[in-house]
């Protein structure tokens, strides 16, 4: 499948099948609001994650997914967010909610561990959507060079459990917001945001 180069200052949301289409559709508007950049779901450039499956862990290696995105979208100047519902890991951790290249173009997030049913609780689509949004903003924040924040309510605060995601907001703290605006300004000099 041919890759499409994205212009600077765009966020493209790429489905990594399988993925919940309703959750995917809930992302563009709040991402545009958070980053002050256009965001859209790519309808045609889905990715099959089977190559990243680790049989011994019965999970998918998120680092391999990022590498595949890099190969597929060489020369891309926008930001890419891959979204899936498979369980992700990096070799040094049991699982991850997502992974991103610090100051790079690619981030991936998974809804797998954001779903209440995984914990034996009734489904809560609203809670899953709120968690996904926070993790999407968090991982995309890394692509703009933001590191983990010590402010507990900042979206850039690290989360190792869903309860920690629930405690933080979907907003950047003042310091992270300032750094983000600086990065967006570098990306798009002279463009009022």
C-alpha atoms as a PDB file:
ATOM      1  CA  UNK A   1       0.000   0.000   0.000  1.00  0.00           C
ATOM      2  CA  UNK A   2       1.416   3.378  -0.943  1.00  0.00           C
ATOM      3  CA  UNK A   3       2.112   5.797   1.849  1.00  0.00           C
ATOM      4  CA  UNK A   4       0.806   9.328   1.767  1.00  0.00           C
ATOM      5  CA  UNK A   5       3.150  12.069   2.932  1.00  0.00           C
ATOM      6  CA  UNK A   6       1.585  14.312   5.513  1.00  0.00           C
ATOM      7  CA  UNK A   7       2.256  18.024   5.545  1.00  0.00           C
ATOM      8  CA  UNK A   8       3.762  19.719   8.565  1.00  0.00           C
ATOM      9  CA  UNK A   9       1.310  20.504  11.290  1.00  0.00           C
ATOM     10  CA  UNK A  10      -1.114  17.632  10.751  1.00  0.00           C
ATOM     11  CA  UNK A  11      -2.058  14.725  12.995  1.00  0.00           C
ATOM     12  CA  UNK A  12      -3.204  11.566  11.247  1.00  0.00           C
ATOM     13  CA  UNK A  13      -4.898   8.809  13.207  1.00  0.00           C
ATOM     14  CA  UNK A  14      -4.187   5.421  11.642  1.00  0.00           C
ATOM     15  CA  UNK A  15      -6.253   2.373  12.596  1.00  0.00           C
ATOM     16  CA  UNK A  16      -4.185  -0.680  13.518  1.00  0.00           C
ATOM     17  CA  UNK A  17      -6.773  -3.423  13.090  1.00  0.00           C
ATOM     18  CA  UNK A  18      -8.653  -4.513  15.082  1.00  0.00           C
ATOM     19  CA  UNK A  19      -9.859  -1.238  16.538  1.00  0.00           C
ATOM     20  CA  UNK A  20     -13.108   0.126  17.930  1.00  0.00           C
ATOM     21  CA  UNK A  21     -14.332   2.524  15.226  1.00  0.00           C
ATOM     22  CA  UNK A  22     -16.458   4.561  17.661  1.00  0.00           C
ATOM     23  CA  UNK A  23     -13.487   5.181  19.944  1.00  0.00           C
ATOM     24  CA  UNK A  24     -11.385   6.091  16.916  1.00  0.00           C
ATOM     25  CA  UNK A  25     -13.999   8.582  15.721  1.00  0.00           C
ATOM     26  CA  UNK A  26     -14.007  10.260  19.148  1.00  0.00           C
ATOM     27  CA  UNK A  27     -10.375  11.428  18.816  1.00  0.00           C
ATOM     28  CA  UNK A  28      -9.976  14.073  16.058  1.00  0.00           C
ATOM     29  CA  UNK A  29     -11.880  17.004  17.594  1.00  0.00           C
ATOM     30  CA  UNK A  30     -10.325  16.840  21.086  1.00  0.00           C
ATOM     31  CA  UNK A  31      -6.855  16.265  19.589  1.00  0.00           C
ATOM     32  CA  UNK A  32      -7.304  19.361  17.415  1.00  0.00           C
ATOM     33  CA  UNK A  33      -8.295  21.265  20.528  1.00  0.00           C
ATOM     34  CA  UNK A  34      -5.321  19.999  22.569  1.00  0.00           C
ATOM     35  CA  UNK A  35      -2.653  20.581  19.920  1.00  0.00           C
ATOM     36  CA  UNK A  36      -4.249  23.399  17.886  1.00  0.00           C
ATOM     37  CA  UNK A  37      -3.499  21.353  14.757  1.00  0.00           C
ATOM     38  CA  UNK A  38      -5.803  19.588  12.283  1.00  0.00           C
ATOM     39  CA  UNK A  39      -6.417  15.910  13.095  1.00  0.00           C
ATOM     40  CA  UNK A  40      -8.229  13.258  11.062  1.00  0.00           C
ATOM     41  CA  UNK A  41      -8.721   9.508  10.901  1.00  0.00           C
ATOM     42  CA  UNK A  42      -7.168   7.915   7.817  1.00  0.00           C
ATOM     43  CA  UNK A  43      -9.889   5.806   6.252  1.00  0.00           C
ATOM     44  CA  UNK A  44      -7.684   3.816   3.862  1.00  0.00           C
ATOM     45  CA  UNK A  45      -4.253   3.308   5.423  1.00  0.00           C
ATOM     46  CA  UNK A  46      -5.063   0.664   8.044  1.00  0.00           C
ATOM     47  CA  UNK A  47      -2.204  -1.442   9.397  1.00  0.00           C
ATOM     48  CA  UNK A  48      -2.290  -5.160  10.210  1.00  0.00           C
ATOM     49  CA  UNK A  49      -0.233  -5.703  13.416  1.00  0.00           C
ATOM     50  CA  UNK A  50       0.262  -9.475  13.027  1.00  0.00           C
ATOM     51  CA  UNK A  51       3.993  -9.070  12.246  1.00  0.00           C
ATOM     52  CA  UNK A  52       4.488  -7.564  15.742  1.00  0.00           C
ATOM     53  CA  UNK A  53       2.825 -10.456  17.597  1.00  0.00           C
ATOM     54  CA  UNK A  54       5.001 -12.215  20.178  1.00  0.00           C
ATOM     55  CA  UNK A  55       3.736 -15.761  20.644  1.00  0.00           C
ATOM     56  CA  UNK A  56       5.532 -16.292  23.969  1.00  0.00           C
ATOM     57  CA  UNK A  57       3.889 -13.190  25.479  1.00  0.00           C
ATOM     58  CA  UNK A  58       0.607 -13.291  23.514  1.00  0.00           C
ATOM     59  CA  UNK A  59       1.021  -9.540  23.046  1.00  0.00           C
ATOM     60  CA  UNK A  60       2.128  -7.146  20.308  1.00  0.00           C
ATOM     61  CA  UNK A  61       5.480  -5.347  20.372  1.00  0.00           C
ATOM     62  CA  UNK A  62       4.715  -1.626  20.125  1.00  0.00           C
ATOM     63  CA  UNK A  63       8.299  -0.780  19.143  1.00  0.00           C
ATOM     64  CA  UNK A  64       7.942  -2.959  16.030  1.00  0.00           C
ATOM     65  CA  UNK A  65       4.728  -1.128  15.149  1.00  0.00           C
ATOM     66  CA  UNK A  66       6.529   2.220  15.411  1.00  0.00           C
ATOM     67  CA  UNK A  67       9.334   0.909  13.165  1.00  0.00           C
ATOM     68  CA  UNK A  68       6.781  -0.214  10.578  1.00  0.00           C
ATOM     69  CA  UNK A  69       5.131   3.215  10.620  1.00  0.00           C
ATOM     70  CA  UNK A  70       8.544   4.831  10.130  1.00  0.00           C
ATOM     71  CA  UNK A  71       9.238   2.622   7.105  1.00  0.00           C
ATOM     72  CA  UNK A  72       5.799   3.203   5.655  1.00  0.00           C
ATOM     73  CA  UNK A  73       5.753   6.973   6.102  1.00  0.00           C
ATOM     74  CA  UNK A  74       9.376   7.910   5.347  1.00  0.00           C
ATOM     75  CA  UNK A  75       9.707  11.648   4.785  1.00  0.00           C
ATOM     76  CA  UNK A  76       6.504  12.382   6.675  1.00  0.00           C
ATOM     77  CA  UNK A  77       6.425  15.826   8.302  1.00  0.00           C
ATOM     78  CA  UNK A  78       3.179  15.408  10.221  1.00  0.00           C
ATOM     79  CA  UNK A  79       2.418  13.379  13.347  1.00  0.00           C
ATOM     80  CA  UNK A  80       0.977   9.877  13.176  1.00  0.00           C
ATOM     81  CA  UNK A  81      -1.032   8.213  15.933  1.00  0.00           C
ATOM     82  CA  UNK A  82      -1.641   4.497  15.473  1.00  0.00           C
ATOM     83  CA  UNK A  83      -4.632   3.222  17.463  1.00  0.00           C
ATOM     84  CA  UNK A  84      -5.387  -0.439  18.139  1.00  0.00           C
ATOM     85  CA  UNK A  85      -7.273  -2.691  20.531  1.00  0.00           C
ATOM     86  CA  UNK A  86      -4.532  -5.343  20.812  1.00  0.00           C
ATOM     87  CA  UNK A  87      -2.427  -5.710  23.975  1.00  0.00           C
ATOM     88  CA  UNK A  88       0.906  -3.869  23.607  1.00  0.00           C
ATOM     89  CA  UNK A  89       4.268  -4.378  25.290  1.00  0.00           C
ATOM     90  CA  UNK A  90       7.867  -3.260  25.159  1.00  0.00           C
ATOM     91  CA  UNK A  91      10.463  -5.900  26.091  1.00  0.00           C
ATOM     92  CA  UNK A  92      11.334  -4.350  29.475  1.00  0.00           C
ATOM     93  CA  UNK A  93       7.716  -3.915  30.644  1.00  0.00           C
ATOM     94  CA  UNK A  94       4.780  -6.267  31.182  1.00  0.00           C
ATOM     95  CA  UNK A  95       2.510  -4.011  29.126  1.00  0.00           C
ATOM     96  CA  UNK A  96       2.163  -0.444  27.887  1.00  0.00           C
ATOM     97  CA  UNK A  97      -0.860   1.728  27.139  1.00  0.00           C
ATOM     98  CA  UNK A  98       1.145   3.267  24.314  1.00  0.00           C
ATOM     99  CA  UNK A  99       4.577   4.227  23.069  1.00  0.00           C
ATOM    100  CA  UNK A 100       5.994   7.164  21.129  1.00  0.00           C
ATOM    101  CA  UNK A 101       9.185   8.451  19.616  1.00  0.00           C
ATOM    102  CA  UNK A 102      10.410  11.355  21.698  1.00  0.00           C
ATOM    103  CA  UNK A 103      10.503  14.341  19.327  1.00  0.00           C
ATOM    104  CA  UNK A 104       9.672  12.034  16.411  1.00  0.00           C
ATOM    105  CA  UNK A 105       6.629  11.617  14.180  1.00  0.00           C
ATOM    106  CA  UNK A 106       5.096   8.356  15.472  1.00  0.00           C
ATOM    107  CA  UNK A 107       3.005   7.316  18.484  1.00  0.00           C
ATOM    108  CA  UNK A 108       0.847   4.245  19.108  1.00  0.00           C
ATOM    109  CA  UNK A 109      -1.845   3.636  21.728  1.00  0.00           C
ATOM    110  CA  UNK A 110      -4.004   0.655  22.614  1.00  0.00           C
ATOM    111  CA  UNK A 111      -7.511   0.511  24.019  1.00  0.00           C
ATOM    112  CA  UNK A 112      -6.950  -3.035  25.322  1.00  0.00           C
ATOM    113  CA  UNK A 113      -6.129  -2.159  28.940  1.00  0.00           C
ATOM    114  CA  UNK A 114      -8.377   0.908  28.945  1.00  0.00           C
ATOM    115  CA  UNK A 115     -11.517  -1.248  28.760  1.00  0.00           C
ATOM    116  CA  UNK A 116     -13.297  -1.909  32.069  1.00  0.00           C
ATOM    117  CA  UNK A 117     -14.295  -5.428  30.969  1.00  0.00           C
ATOM    118  CA  UNK A 118     -10.623  -6.499  31.187  1.00  0.00           C
ATOM    119  CA  UNK A 119     -10.899  -5.952  34.948  1.00  0.00           C
ATOM    120  CA  UNK A 120     -14.184  -7.857  35.312  1.00  0.00           C
ATOM    121  CA  UNK A 121     -16.289  -4.699  35.407  1.00  0.00           C
ATOM    122  CA  UNK A 122     -19.260  -3.695  33.239  1.00  0.00           C
ATOM    123  CA  UNK A 123     -18.373  -1.909  29.991  1.00  0.00           C
ATOM    124  CA  UNK A 124     -18.099   1.868  30.154  1.00  0.00           C
ATOM    125  CA  UNK A 125     -17.648   3.346  26.666  1.00  0.00           C
ATOM    126  CA  UNK A 126     -17.503   6.874  28.103  1.00  0.00           C
ATOM    127  CA  UNK A 127     -14.666   5.966  30.493  1.00  0.00           C
ATOM    128  CA  UNK A 128     -12.795   4.070  27.750  1.00  0.00           C
ATOM    129  CA  UNK A 129     -13.048   7.112  25.451  1.00  0.00           C
ATOM    130  CA  UNK A 130     -11.780   9.457  28.192  1.00  0.00           C
ATOM    131  CA  UNK A 131      -8.843   7.137  28.917  1.00  0.00           C
ATOM    132  CA  UNK A 132      -8.007   6.782  25.228  1.00  0.00           C
ATOM    133  CA  UNK A 133      -8.032  10.542  24.743  1.00  0.00           C
ATOM    134  CA  UNK A 134      -5.653  11.068  27.674  1.00  0.00           C
ATOM    135  CA  UNK A 135      -3.265   8.403  26.422  1.00  0.00           C
ATOM    136  CA  UNK A 136      -3.428   9.713  22.844  1.00  0.00           C
ATOM    137  CA  UNK A 137      -2.612  13.250  24.005  1.00  0.00           C
ATOM    138  CA  UNK A 138       0.132  11.885  26.278  1.00  0.00           C
ATOM    139  CA  UNK A 139       1.844   9.865  23.537  1.00  0.00           C
ATOM    140  CA  UNK A 140       1.489  12.634  20.947  1.00  0.00           C
ATOM    141  CA  UNK A 141       2.941  15.001  23.550  1.00  0.00           C
ATOM    142  CA  UNK A 142       6.081  12.838  23.503  1.00  0.00           C
ATOM    143  CA  UNK A 143       6.303  13.272  19.715  1.00  0.00           C
ATOM    144  CA  UNK A 144       6.517  17.008  20.359  1.00  0.00           C
ATOM    145  CA  UNK A 145       9.442  16.438  22.735  1.00  0.00           C
ATOM    146  CA  UNK A 146       7.509  16.558  26.007  1.00  0.00           C
ATOM    147  CA  UNK A 147       8.789  14.249  28.746  1.00  0.00           C
ATOM    148  CA  UNK A 148       6.932  12.865  31.760  1.00  0.00           C
ATOM    149  CA  UNK A 149       5.688  15.573  34.097  1.00  0.00           C
ATOM    150  CA  UNK A 150       5.709  15.542  37.902  1.00  0.00           C
ATOM    151  CA  UNK A 151       2.357  17.362  38.073  1.00  0.00           C
ATOM    152  CA  UNK A 152      -0.178  14.629  38.923  1.00  0.00           C
ATOM    153  CA  UNK A 153      -3.034  16.219  36.982  1.00  0.00           C
ATOM    154  CA  UNK A 154      -0.987  16.961  33.850  1.00  0.00           C
ATOM    155  CA  UNK A 155      -1.742  14.689  30.907  1.00  0.00           C
ATOM    156  CA  UNK A 156       2.035  14.163  30.574  1.00  0.00           C
ATOM    157  CA  UNK A 157       2.209  12.516  34.017  1.00  0.00           C
ATOM    158  CA  UNK A 158       3.261   8.876  33.602  1.00  0.00           C
ATOM    159  CA  UNK A 159       0.564   6.241  34.158  1.00  0.00           C
ATOM    160  CA  UNK A 160       1.287   2.597  34.931  1.00  0.00           C
ATOM    161  CA  UNK A 161      -2.306   1.666  35.840  1.00  0.00           C
ATOM    162  CA  UNK A 162      -5.710   2.758  34.557  1.00  0.00           C
ATOM    163  CA  UNK A 163      -6.499   4.320  37.924  1.00  0.00           C
ATOM    164  CA  UNK A 164      -3.595   6.732  37.352  1.00  0.00           C
ATOM    165  CA  UNK A 165      -5.024   7.622  33.938  1.00  0.00           C
ATOM    166  CA  UNK A 166      -8.371   8.330  35.596  1.00  0.00           C
ATOM    167  CA  UNK A 167      -6.750  10.673  38.144  1.00  0.00           C
ATOM    168  CA  UNK A 168      -5.039  12.925  35.618  1.00  0.00           C
ATOM    169  CA  UNK A 169      -6.751  15.398  33.328  1.00  0.00           C
ATOM    170  CA  UNK A 170      -6.687  15.538  29.536  1.00  0.00           C
ATOM    171  CA  UNK A 171      -4.938  18.923  29.791  1.00  0.00           C
ATOM    172  CA  UNK A 172      -1.298  19.971  29.819  1.00  0.00           C
ATOM    173  CA  UNK A 173      -0.028  21.815  32.893  1.00  0.00           C
ATOM    174  CA  UNK A 174       1.155  25.392  32.323  1.00  0.00           C
ATOM    175  CA  UNK A 175       4.808  24.340  31.885  1.00  0.00           C
ATOM    176  CA  UNK A 176       4.056  21.500  29.437  1.00  0.00           C
ATOM    177  CA  UNK A 177       1.591  23.683  27.514  1.00  0.00           C
ATOM    178  CA  UNK A 178       4.318  26.313  27.118  1.00  0.00           C
ATOM    179  CA  UNK A 179       6.837  23.747  25.861  1.00  0.00           C
ATOM    180  CA  UNK A 180       4.247  22.326  23.452  1.00  0.00           C
ATOM    181  CA  UNK A 181       3.425  25.762  22.021  1.00  0.00           C
ATOM    182  CA  UNK A 182       7.158  26.337  21.506  1.00  0.00           C
ATOM    183  CA  UNK A 183       7.467  23.049  19.594  1.00  0.00           C
ATOM    184  CA  UNK A 184       4.425  23.808  17.438  1.00  0.00           C
ATOM    185  CA  UNK A 185       5.883  27.250  16.723  1.00  0.00           C
ATOM    186  CA  UNK A 186       9.182  25.611  15.646  1.00  0.00           C
ATOM    187  CA  UNK A 187       7.244  23.236  13.398  1.00  0.00           C
ATOM    188  CA  UNK A 188       5.157  25.992  11.839  1.00  0.00           C
ATOM    189  CA  UNK A 189       7.040  29.276  12.214  1.00  0.00           C
ATOM    190  CA  UNK A 190       4.920  32.352  11.664  1.00  0.00           C
ATOM    191  CA  UNK A 191       1.608  30.486  11.865  1.00  0.00           C
ATOM    192  CA  UNK A 192      -0.733  31.865  14.519  1.00  0.00           C
ATOM    193  CA  UNK A 193      -2.063  29.060  16.759  1.00  0.00           C
END
